[in-house]
């Protein structure tokens, strides 16, 4: 008789049993930035689809952070492009005739 712990099916049942005991918080339970609980009958300020904030100030702070990140990414991206353009345009090609004796 095989033990129930070696059965592939028992592993699935065990996993399903564990799932009941873990609590994944709902994305609207707390402010994304300060983690303040978002209670009933309070305004929720959304940003980029499904990111909740408790106030206009928290949302604005996140927006400014994201804009700064995007600007630095764009600057790094343009620097890389200009570096690759400089390296390809600064190559010297000689077209002299060489006589071999």
PDB file of N, CA and C in Angstrom:
ATOM      1  N   UNK A   1       0.848  -1.179   0.000  1.00  0.00           N
ATOM      2  CA  UNK A   1       0.000   0.000   0.000  1.00  0.00           C
ATOM      3  C   UNK A   1       0.893   1.242   0.000  1.00  0.00           C
ATOM      4  N   UNK A   2       0.670   2.139  -0.920  1.00  0.00           N
ATOM      5  CA  UNK A   2       1.499   3.339  -1.044  1.00  0.00           C
ATOM      6  C   UNK A   2       1.038   4.385  -0.036  1.00  0.00           C
ATOM      7  N   UNK A   3       1.984   5.150   0.443  1.00  0.00           N
ATOM      8  CA  UNK A   3       1.628   6.192   1.409  1.00  0.00           C
ATOM      9  C   UNK A   3       0.951   7.346   0.685  1.00  0.00           C
ATOM     10  N   UNK A   4       0.072   8.035   1.378  1.00  0.00           N
ATOM     11  CA  UNK A   4      -0.670   9.119   0.744  1.00  0.00           C
ATOM     12  C   UNK A   4       0.224  10.312   0.439  1.00  0.00           C
ATOM     13  N   UNK A   5       1.359  10.455   1.132  1.00  0.00           N
ATOM     14  CA  UNK A   5       2.226  11.601   0.882  1.00  0.00           C
ATOM     15  C   UNK A   5       2.998  11.462  -0.415  1.00  0.00           C
ATOM     16  N   UNK A   6       3.136  10.218  -0.946  1.00  0.00           N
ATOM     17  CA  UNK A   6       3.866  10.047  -2.191  1.00  0.00           C
ATOM     18  C   UNK A   6       2.956  10.156  -3.406  1.00  0.00           C
ATOM     19  N   UNK A   7       1.679  10.202  -3.207  1.00  0.00           N
ATOM     20  CA  UNK A   7       0.734  10.304  -4.311  1.00  0.00           C
ATOM     21  C   UNK A   7       0.733  11.715  -4.881  1.00  0.00           C
ATOM     22  N   UNK A   8       0.784  11.849  -6.211  1.00  0.00           N
ATOM     23  CA  UNK A   8       0.738  13.186  -6.806  1.00  0.00           C
ATOM     24  C   UNK A   8      -0.551  13.915  -6.455  1.00  0.00           C
ATOM     25  N   UNK A   9      -1.617  13.179  -6.343  1.00  0.00           N
ATOM     26  CA  UNK A   9      -2.899  13.803  -6.031  1.00  0.00           C
ATOM     27  C   UNK A   9      -2.916  14.383  -4.627  1.00  0.00           C
ATOM     28  N   UNK A  10      -2.287  13.693  -3.679  1.00  0.00           N
ATOM     29  CA  UNK A  10      -2.292  14.215  -2.307  1.00  0.00           C
ATOM     30  C   UNK A  10      -1.516  15.529  -2.224  1.00  0.00           C
ATOM     31  N   UNK A  11      -0.493  15.676  -3.067  1.00  0.00           N
ATOM     32  CA  UNK A  11       0.251  16.939  -3.106  1.00  0.00           C
ATOM     33  C   UNK A  11      -0.634  18.083  -3.558  1.00  0.00           C
ATOM     34  N   UNK A  12      -1.492  17.804  -4.529  1.00  0.00           N
ATOM     35  CA  UNK A  12      -2.410  18.834  -4.995  1.00  0.00           C
ATOM     36  C   UNK A  12      -3.414  19.204  -3.926  1.00  0.00           C
ATOM     37  N   UNK A  13      -3.906  18.201  -3.211  1.00  0.00           N
ATOM     38  CA  UNK A  13      -4.846  18.485  -2.137  1.00  0.00           C
ATOM     39  C   UNK A  13      -4.177  19.275  -1.021  1.00  0.00           C
ATOM     40  N   UNK A  14      -2.942  18.937  -0.712  1.00  0.00           N
ATOM     41  CA  UNK A  14      -2.213  19.667   0.318  1.00  0.00           C
ATOM     42  C   UNK A  14      -2.044  21.115  -0.094  1.00  0.00           C
ATOM     43  N   UNK A  15      -1.675  21.348  -1.349  1.00  0.00           N
ATOM     44  CA  UNK A  15      -1.505  22.721  -1.836  1.00  0.00           C
ATOM     45  C   UNK A  15      -2.829  23.474  -1.755  1.00  0.00           C
ATOM     46  N   UNK A  16      -3.897  22.832  -2.179  1.00  0.00           N
ATOM     47  CA  UNK A  16      -5.206  23.473  -2.133  1.00  0.00           C
ATOM     48  C   UNK A  16      -5.588  23.793  -0.693  1.00  0.00           C
ATOM     49  N   UNK A  17      -5.201  22.926   0.242  1.00  0.00           N
ATOM     50  CA  UNK A  17      -5.503  23.176   1.645  1.00  0.00           C
ATOM     51  C   UNK A  17      -4.735  24.363   2.185  1.00  0.00           C
ATOM     52  N   UNK A  18      -3.512  24.541   1.750  1.00  0.00           N
ATOM     53  CA  UNK A  18      -2.703  25.672   2.206  1.00  0.00           C
ATOM     54  C   UNK A  18      -3.242  26.986   1.679  1.00  0.00           C
ATOM     55  N   UNK A  19      -3.814  26.934   0.504  1.00  0.00           N
ATOM     56  CA  UNK A  19      -4.303  28.143  -0.131  1.00  0.00           C
ATOM     57  C   UNK A  19      -5.370  28.821   0.723  1.00  0.00           C
ATOM     58  N   UNK A  20      -6.151  28.029   1.436  1.00  0.00           N
ATOM     59  CA  UNK A  20      -7.214  28.576   2.271  1.00  0.00           C
ATOM     60  C   UNK A  20      -6.660  29.395   3.431  1.00  0.00           C
ATOM     61  N   UNK A  21      -5.471  29.067   3.909  1.00  0.00           N
ATOM     62  CA  UNK A  21      -4.930  29.706   5.095  1.00  0.00           C
ATOM     63  C   UNK A  21      -4.122  30.959   4.800  1.00  0.00           C
ATOM     64  N   UNK A  22      -3.773  31.185   3.560  1.00  0.00           N
ATOM     65  CA  UNK A  22      -3.035  32.402   3.230  1.00  0.00           C
ATOM     66  C   UNK A  22      -4.023  33.477   2.828  1.00  0.00           C
ATOM     67  N   UNK A  23      -3.711  34.704   3.198  1.00  0.00           N
ATOM     68  CA  UNK A  23      -4.587  35.823   2.876  1.00  0.00           C
ATOM     69  C   UNK A  23      -3.825  36.795   1.999  1.00  0.00           C
ATOM     70  N   UNK A  24      -4.229  36.869   0.753  1.00  0.00           N
ATOM     71  CA  UNK A  24      -3.666  37.859  -0.154  1.00  0.00           C
ATOM     72  C   UNK A  24      -4.498  39.122   0.000  1.00  0.00           C
ATOM     73  N   UNK A  25      -3.878  40.251   0.369  1.00  0.00           N
ATOM     74  CA  UNK A  25      -4.662  41.468   0.531  1.00  0.00           C
ATOM     75  C   UNK A  25      -5.217  41.951  -0.808  1.00  0.00           C
ATOM     76  N   UNK A  26      -6.411  42.460  -0.766  1.00  0.00           N
ATOM     77  CA  UNK A  26      -7.022  43.032  -1.957  1.00  0.00           C
ATOM     78  C   UNK A  26      -6.292  44.331  -2.277  1.00  0.00           C
ATOM     79  N   UNK A  27      -6.122  44.642  -3.556  1.00  0.00           N
ATOM     80  CA  UNK A  27      -5.329  45.807  -3.921  1.00  0.00           C
ATOM     81  C   UNK A  27      -5.943  47.121  -3.465  1.00  0.00           C
ATOM     82  N   UNK A  28      -7.208  47.141  -3.099  1.00  0.00           N
ATOM     83  CA  UNK A  28      -7.833  48.373  -2.622  1.00  0.00           C
ATOM     84  C   UNK A  28      -7.894  48.463  -1.096  1.00  0.00           C
ATOM     85  N   UNK A  29      -7.165  47.612  -0.397  1.00  0.00           N
ATOM     86  CA  UNK A  29      -7.190  47.647   1.066  1.00  0.00           C
ATOM     87  C   UNK A  29      -6.309  48.736   1.650  1.00  0.00           C
ATOM     88  N   UNK A  30      -5.221  49.119   0.948  1.00  0.00           N
ATOM     89  CA  UNK A  30      -4.284  50.079   1.518  1.00  0.00           C
ATOM     90  C   UNK A  30      -3.697  50.968   0.433  1.00  0.00           C
ATOM     91  N   UNK A  31      -3.267  52.147   0.842  1.00  0.00           N
ATOM     92  CA  UNK A  31      -2.611  53.100  -0.052  1.00  0.00           C
ATOM     93  C   UNK A  31      -1.304  52.486  -0.558  1.00  0.00           C
ATOM     94  N   UNK A  32      -1.061  52.598  -1.840  1.00  0.00           N
ATOM     95  CA  UNK A  32       0.135  52.026  -2.447  1.00  0.00           C
ATOM     96  C   UNK A  32       1.407  52.666  -1.896  1.00  0.00           C
ATOM     97  N   UNK A  33       1.357  53.959  -1.564  1.00  0.00           N
ATOM     98  CA  UNK A  33       2.553  54.671  -1.129  1.00  0.00           C
ATOM     99  C   UNK A  33       2.768  54.594   0.380  1.00  0.00           C
ATOM    100  N   UNK A  34       1.793  54.996   1.168  1.00  0.00           N
ATOM    101  CA  UNK A  34       1.993  55.067   2.629  1.00  0.00           C
ATOM    102  C   UNK A  34       1.414  53.863   3.365  1.00  0.00           C
ATOM    103  N   UNK A  35       0.705  53.000   2.661  1.00  0.00           N
ATOM    104  CA  UNK A  35       0.110  51.767   3.212  1.00  0.00           C
ATOM    105  C   UNK A  35      -0.972  52.025   4.250  1.00  0.00           C
ATOM    106  N   UNK A  36      -1.509  53.236   4.278  1.00  0.00           N
ATOM    107  CA  UNK A  36      -2.620  53.553   5.166  1.00  0.00           C
ATOM    108  C   UNK A  36      -3.853  52.771   4.701  1.00  0.00           C
ATOM    109  N   UNK A  37      -4.577  52.139   5.624  1.00  0.00           N
ATOM    110  CA  UNK A  37      -5.766  51.378   5.222  1.00  0.00           C
ATOM    111  C   UNK A  37      -6.793  52.274   4.537  1.00  0.00           C
ATOM    112  N   UNK A  38      -7.381  51.753   3.476  1.00  0.00           N
ATOM    113  CA  UNK A  38      -8.436  52.475   2.772  1.00  0.00           C
ATOM    114  C   UNK A  38      -9.761  51.955   3.293  1.00  0.00           C
ATOM    115  N   UNK A  39     -10.423  52.756   4.104  1.00  0.00           N
ATOM    116  CA  UNK A  39     -11.654  52.321   4.751  1.00  0.00           C
ATOM    117  C   UNK A  39     -12.871  52.484   3.868  1.00  0.00           C
ATOM    118  N   UNK A  40     -13.999  52.058   4.412  1.00  0.00           N
ATOM    119  CA  UNK A  40     -15.271  52.213   3.705  1.00  0.00           C
ATOM    120  C   UNK A  40     -15.655  53.679   3.694  1.00  0.00           C
ATOM    121  N   UNK A  41     -16.334  54.073   2.652  1.00  0.00           N
ATOM    122  CA  UNK A  41     -16.839  55.440   2.513  1.00  0.00           C
ATOM    123  C   UNK A  41     -15.730  56.495   2.496  1.00  0.00           C
ATOM    124  N   UNK A  42     -14.542  56.136   2.049  1.00  0.00           N
ATOM    125  CA  UNK A  42     -13.483  57.128   1.884  1.00  0.00           C
ATOM    126  C   UNK A  42     -13.123  57.201   0.406  1.00  0.00           C
ATOM    127  N   UNK A  43     -12.651  58.357  -0.006  1.00  0.00           N
ATOM    128  CA  UNK A  43     -12.236  58.524  -1.391  1.00  0.00           C
ATOM    129  C   UNK A  43     -10.974  57.717  -1.655  1.00  0.00           C
ATOM    130  N   UNK A  44     -10.918  57.115  -2.815  1.00  0.00           N
ATOM    131  CA  UNK A  44      -9.731  56.389  -3.253  1.00  0.00           C
ATOM    132  C   UNK A  44      -9.274  57.047  -4.542  1.00  0.00           C
ATOM    133  N   UNK A  45      -8.031  57.472  -4.575  1.00  0.00           N
ATOM    134  CA  UNK A  45      -7.469  58.150  -5.730  1.00  0.00           C
ATOM    135  C   UNK A  45      -6.644  57.147  -6.521  1.00  0.00           C
ATOM    136  N   UNK A  46      -7.076  56.893  -7.753  1.00  0.00           N
ATOM    137  CA  UNK A  46      -6.436  55.864  -8.570  1.00  0.00           C
ATOM    138  C   UNK A  46      -5.409  56.496  -9.510  1.00  0.00           C
ATOM    139  N   UNK A  47      -4.414  55.677  -9.860  1.00  0.00           N
ATOM    140  CA  UNK A  47      -3.357  56.112 -10.778  1.00  0.00           C
ATOM    141  C   UNK A  47      -2.929  54.924 -11.612  1.00  0.00           C
ATOM    142  N   UNK A  48      -2.771  55.136 -12.888  1.00  0.00           N
ATOM    143  CA  UNK A  48      -2.341  54.111 -13.841  1.00  0.00           C
ATOM    144  C   UNK A  48      -3.176  52.834 -13.733  1.00  0.00           C
ATOM    145  N   UNK A  49      -4.458  53.017 -13.738  1.00  0.00           N
ATOM    146  CA  UNK A  49      -5.351  51.863 -13.788  1.00  0.00           C
ATOM    147  C   UNK A  49      -5.751  51.311 -12.443  1.00  0.00           C
ATOM    148  N   UNK A  50      -4.855  50.581 -11.771  1.00  0.00           N
ATOM    149  CA  UNK A  50      -5.270  49.877 -10.554  1.00  0.00           C
ATOM    150  C   UNK A  50      -4.353  50.133  -9.364  1.00  0.00           C
ATOM    151  N   UNK A  51      -3.789  51.329  -9.270  1.00  0.00           N
ATOM    152  CA  UNK A  51      -2.929  51.663  -8.136  1.00  0.00           C
ATOM    153  C   UNK A  51      -3.668  52.659  -7.246  1.00  0.00           C
ATOM    154  N   UNK A  52      -4.070  52.235  -6.036  1.00  0.00           N
ATOM    155  CA  UNK A  52      -4.880  53.094  -5.163  1.00  0.00           C
ATOM    156  C   UNK A  52      -4.030  53.954  -4.222  1.00  0.00           C
ATOM    157  N   UNK A  53      -4.543  55.153  -3.941  1.00  0.00           N
ATOM    158  CA  UNK A  53      -3.894  56.067  -2.996  1.00  0.00           C
ATOM    159  C   UNK A  53      -4.945  56.656  -2.076  1.00  0.00           C
ATOM    160  N   UNK A  54      -4.524  56.986  -0.862  1.00  0.00           N
ATOM    161  CA  UNK A  54      -5.455  57.510   0.136  1.00  0.00           C
ATOM    162  C   UNK A  54      -5.725  58.997  -0.056  1.00  0.00           C
ATOM    163  N   UNK A  55      -4.841  59.702  -0.761  1.00  0.00           N
ATOM    164  CA  UNK A  55      -5.001  61.144  -0.916  1.00  0.00           C
ATOM    165  C   UNK A  55      -4.411  61.604  -2.241  1.00  0.00           C
ATOM    166  N   UNK A  56      -4.770  62.826  -2.622  1.00  0.00           N
ATOM    167  CA  UNK A  56      -4.192  63.421  -3.826  1.00  0.00           C
ATOM    168  C   UNK A  56      -2.688  63.587  -3.661  1.00  0.00           C
ATOM    169  N   UNK A  57      -2.259  63.877  -2.427  1.00  0.00           N
ATOM    170  CA  UNK A  57      -0.837  64.105  -2.163  1.00  0.00           C
ATOM    171  C   UNK A  57      -0.003  62.840  -2.378  1.00  0.00           C
ATOM    172  N   UNK A  58      -0.498  61.700  -1.878  1.00  0.00           N
ATOM    173  CA  UNK A  58       0.219  60.432  -2.084  1.00  0.00           C
ATOM    174  C   UNK A  58       0.279  60.093  -3.567  1.00  0.00           C
ATOM    175  N   UNK A  59      -0.848  60.286  -4.246  1.00  0.00           N
ATOM    176  CA  UNK A  59      -0.875  59.996  -5.682  1.00  0.00           C
ATOM    177  C   UNK A  59       0.098  60.908  -6.432  1.00  0.00           C
ATOM    178  N   UNK A  60       0.119  62.195  -6.085  1.00  0.00           N
ATOM    179  CA  UNK A  60       1.006  63.146  -6.754  1.00  0.00           C
ATOM    180  C   UNK A  60       2.471  62.797  -6.507  1.00  0.00           C
ATOM    181  N   UNK A  61       2.797  62.383  -5.297  1.00  0.00           N
ATOM    182  CA  UNK A  61       4.164  61.991  -4.980  1.00  0.00           C
ATOM    183  C   UNK A  61       4.611  60.800  -5.842  1.00  0.00           C
ATOM    184  N   UNK A  62       3.728  59.822  -6.006  1.00  0.00           N
ATOM    185  CA  UNK A  62       4.045  58.667  -6.848  1.00  0.00           C
ATOM    186  C   UNK A  62       4.189  59.085  -8.307  1.00  0.00           C
ATOM    187  N   UNK A  63       3.322  59.983  -8.774  1.00  0.00           N
ATOM    188  CA  UNK A  63       3.396  60.450 -10.154  1.00  0.00           C
ATOM    189  C   UNK A  63       4.727  61.164 -10.416  1.00  0.00           C
ATOM    190  N   UNK A  64       5.155  61.997  -9.470  1.00  0.00           N
ATOM    191  CA  UNK A  64       6.429  62.697  -9.621  1.00  0.00           C
ATOM    192  C   UNK A  64       7.602  61.726  -9.599  1.00  0.00           C
ATOM    193  N   UNK A  65       7.521  60.723  -8.750  1.00  0.00           N
ATOM    194  CA  UNK A  65       8.566  59.699  -8.695  1.00  0.00           C
ATOM    195  C   UNK A  65       8.657  58.965 -10.033  1.00  0.00           C
ATOM    196  N   UNK A  66       7.500  58.561 -10.568  1.00  0.00           N
ATOM    197  CA  UNK A  66       7.472  57.852 -11.850  1.00  0.00           C
ATOM    198  C   UNK A  66       7.993  58.724 -12.989  1.00  0.00           C
ATOM    199  N   UNK A  67       7.634  60.011 -12.989  1.00  0.00           N
ATOM    200  CA  UNK A  67       8.119  60.918 -14.028  1.00  0.00           C
ATOM    201  C   UNK A  67       9.638  61.052 -13.963  1.00  0.00           C
ATOM    202  N   UNK A  68      10.185  61.148 -12.756  1.00  0.00           N
ATOM    203  CA  UNK A  68      11.635  61.235 -12.591  1.00  0.00           C
ATOM    204  C   UNK A  68      12.330  59.980 -13.092  1.00  0.00           C
ATOM    205  N   UNK A  69      11.739  58.827 -12.786  1.00  0.00           N
ATOM    206  CA  UNK A  69      12.293  57.560 -13.257  1.00  0.00           C
ATOM    207  C   UNK A  69      12.267  57.493 -14.778  1.00  0.00           C
ATOM    208  N   UNK A  70      11.163  57.913 -15.378  1.00  0.00           N
ATOM    209  CA  UNK A  70      11.046  57.882 -16.836  1.00  0.00           C
ATOM    210  C   UNK A  70      12.035  58.841 -17.489  1.00  0.00           C
ATOM    211  N   UNK A  71      12.209  60.026 -16.900  1.00  0.00           N
ATOM    212  CA  UNK A  71      13.164  60.991 -17.455  1.00  0.00           C
ATOM    213  C   UNK A  71      14.584  60.453 -17.389  1.00  0.00           C
ATOM    214  N   UNK A  72      14.953  59.843 -16.260  1.00  0.00           N
ATOM    215  CA  UNK A  72      16.313  59.309 -16.143  1.00  0.00           C
ATOM    216  C   UNK A  72      16.504  58.142 -17.100  1.00  0.00           C
ATOM    217  N   UNK A  73      15.462  57.347 -17.312  1.00  0.00           N
ATOM    218  CA  UNK A  73      15.562  56.246 -18.261  1.00  0.00           C
ATOM    219  C   UNK A  73      15.727  56.794 -19.676  1.00  0.00           C
ATOM    220  N   UNK A  74      14.964  57.852 -20.010  1.00  0.00           N
ATOM    221  CA  UNK A  74      15.066  58.452 -21.334  1.00  0.00           C
ATOM    222  C   UNK A  74      16.437  59.085 -21.548  1.00  0.00           C
ATOM    223  N   UNK A  75      16.988  59.710 -20.516  1.00  0.00           N
ATOM    224  CA  UNK A  75      18.322  60.320 -20.629  1.00  0.00           C
ATOM    225  C   UNK A  75      19.355  59.233 -20.845  1.00  0.00           C
ATOM    226  N   UNK A  76      19.290  58.169 -20.062  1.00  0.00           N
ATOM    227  CA  UNK A  76      20.252  57.065 -20.235  1.00  0.00           C
ATOM    228  C   UNK A  76      20.113  56.444 -21.611  1.00  0.00           C
ATOM    229  N   UNK A  77      18.887  56.309 -22.077  1.00  0.00           N
ATOM    230  CA  UNK A  77      18.657  55.720 -23.393  1.00  0.00           C
ATOM    231  C   UNK A  77      19.228  56.614 -24.488  1.00  0.00           C
ATOM    232  N   UNK A  78      19.033  57.932 -24.385  1.00  0.00           N
ATOM    233  CA  UNK A  78      19.547  58.837 -25.415  1.00  0.00           C
ATOM    234  C   UNK A  78      21.066  58.938 -25.356  1.00  0.00           C
ATOM    235  N   UNK A  79      21.655  58.832 -24.162  1.00  0.00           N
ATOM    236  CA  UNK A  79      23.112  58.845 -24.035  1.00  0.00           C
ATOM    237  C   UNK A  79      23.692  57.614 -24.701  1.00  0.00           C
ATOM    238  N   UNK A  80      23.090  56.474 -24.496  1.00  0.00           N
ATOM    239  CA  UNK A  80      23.559  55.241 -25.144  1.00  0.00           C
ATOM    240  C   UNK A  80      23.476  55.351 -26.650  1.00  0.00           C
ATOM    241  N   UNK A  81      22.370  55.917 -27.146  1.00  0.00           N
ATOM    242  CA  UNK A  81      22.212  56.070 -28.595  1.00  0.00           C
ATOM    243  C   UNK A  81      23.267  57.016 -29.149  1.00  0.00           C
ATOM    244  N   UNK A  82      23.510  58.144 -28.467  1.00  0.00           N
ATOM    245  CA  UNK A  82      24.492  59.101 -28.967  1.00  0.00           C
ATOM    246  C   UNK A  82      25.903  58.523 -28.880  1.00  0.00           C
ATOM    247  N   UNK A  83      26.183  57.719 -27.844  1.00  0.00           N
ATOM    248  CA  UNK A  83      27.490  57.069 -27.744  1.00  0.00           C
ATOM    249  C   UNK A  83      27.694  56.093 -28.889  1.00  0.00           C
ATOM    250  N   UNK A  84      26.663  55.344 -29.224  1.00  0.00           N
ATOM    251  CA  UNK A  84      26.802  54.385 -30.322  1.00  0.00           C
ATOM    252  C   UNK A  84      26.928  55.110 -31.656  1.00  0.00           C
ATOM    253  N   UNK A  85      26.255  56.259 -31.812  1.00  0.00           N
ATOM    254  CA  UNK A  85      26.384  57.045 -33.038  1.00  0.00           C
ATOM    255  C   UNK A  85      27.777  57.649 -33.145  1.00  0.00           C
ATOM    256  N   UNK A  86      28.312  58.141 -32.020  1.00  0.00           N
ATOM    257  CA  UNK A  86      29.660  58.729 -32.026  1.00  0.00           C
ATOM    258  C   UNK A  86      30.693  57.677 -32.371  1.00  0.00           C
ATOM    259  N   UNK A  87      30.566  56.494 -31.807  1.00  0.00           N
ATOM    260  CA  UNK A  87      31.557  55.454 -32.057  1.00  0.00           C
ATOM    261  C   UNK A  87      31.502  54.997 -33.510  1.00  0.00           C
ATOM    262  N   UNK A  88      30.326  55.004 -34.126  1.00  0.00           N
ATOM    263  CA  UNK A  88      30.247  54.567 -35.518  1.00  0.00           C
ATOM    264  C   UNK A  88      30.680  55.670 -36.477  1.00  0.00           C
ATOM    265  N   UNK A  89      30.511  56.945 -36.098  1.00  0.00           N
ATOM    266  CA  UNK A  89      30.904  58.031 -36.990  1.00  0.00           C
ATOM    267  C   UNK A  89      32.356  58.432 -36.806  1.00  0.00           C
ATOM    268  N   UNK A  90      32.966  58.065 -35.695  1.00  0.00           N
ATOM    269  CA  UNK A  90      34.340  58.492 -35.451  1.00  0.00           C
ATOM    270  C   UNK A  90      35.371  57.478 -35.938  1.00  0.00           C
ATOM    271  N   UNK A  91      34.933  56.433 -36.582  1.00  0.00           N
ATOM    272  CA  UNK A  91      35.873  55.445 -37.098  1.00  0.00           C
ATOM    273  C   UNK A  91      36.581  56.011 -38.319  1.00  0.00           C
ATOM    274  N   UNK A  92      37.894  55.830 -38.381  1.00  0.00           N
ATOM    275  CA  UNK A  92      38.681  56.325 -39.498  1.00  0.00           C
ATOM    276  C   UNK A  92      38.927  55.181 -40.472  1.00  0.00           C
ATOM    277  N   UNK A  93      38.662  55.451 -41.730  1.00  0.00           N
ATOM    278  CA  UNK A  93      38.888  54.453 -42.767  1.00  0.00           C
ATOM    279  C   UNK A  93      39.943  55.002 -43.713  1.00  0.00           C
ATOM    280  N   UNK A  94      41.024  54.258 -43.905  1.00  0.00           N
ATOM    281  CA  UNK A  94      42.077  54.684 -44.826  1.00  0.00           C
ATOM    282  C   UNK A  94      41.872  53.991 -46.160  1.00  0.00           C
ATOM    283  N   UNK A  95      42.056  54.760 -47.188  1.00  0.00           N
ATOM    284  CA  UNK A  95      41.902  54.182 -48.521  1.00  0.00           C
ATOM    285  C   UNK A  95      43.156  54.448 -49.355  1.00  0.00           C
ATOM    286  N   UNK A  96      44.329  54.408 -48.703  1.00  0.00           N
ATOM    287  CA  UNK A  96      45.593  54.618 -49.401  1.00  0.00           C
ATOM    288  C   UNK A  96      45.986  53.367 -50.175  1.00  0.00           C
ATOM    289  N   UNK A  97      46.848  53.567 -51.184  1.00  0.00           N
ATOM    290  CA  UNK A  97      47.393  52.448 -51.943  1.00  0.00           C
ATOM    291  C   UNK A  97      48.682  52.007 -51.302  1.00  0.00           C
ATOM    292  N   UNK A  98      48.835  50.717 -51.120  1.00  0.00           N
ATOM    293  CA  UNK A  98      50.037  50.178 -50.503  1.00  0.00           C
ATOM    294  C   UNK A  98      50.777  49.375 -51.560  1.00  0.00           C
ATOM    295  N   UNK A  99      52.094  49.692 -51.719  1.00  0.00           N
ATOM    296  CA  UNK A  99      52.913  48.940 -52.681  1.00  0.00           C
ATOM    297  C   UNK A  99      53.754  47.953 -51.916  1.00  0.00           C
ATOM    298  N   UNK A 100      53.733  46.718 -52.318  1.00  0.00           N
ATOM    299  CA  UNK A 100      54.490  45.674 -51.656  1.00  0.00           C
ATOM    300  C   UNK A 100      55.585  45.218 -52.627  1.00  0.00           C
ATOM    301  N   UNK A 101      56.845  45.202 -52.157  1.00  0.00           N
ATOM    302  CA  UNK A 101      57.939  44.800 -53.040  1.00  0.00           C
ATOM    303  C   UNK A 101      58.396  43.400 -52.744  1.00  0.00           C
TER     304      UNK A 101
END
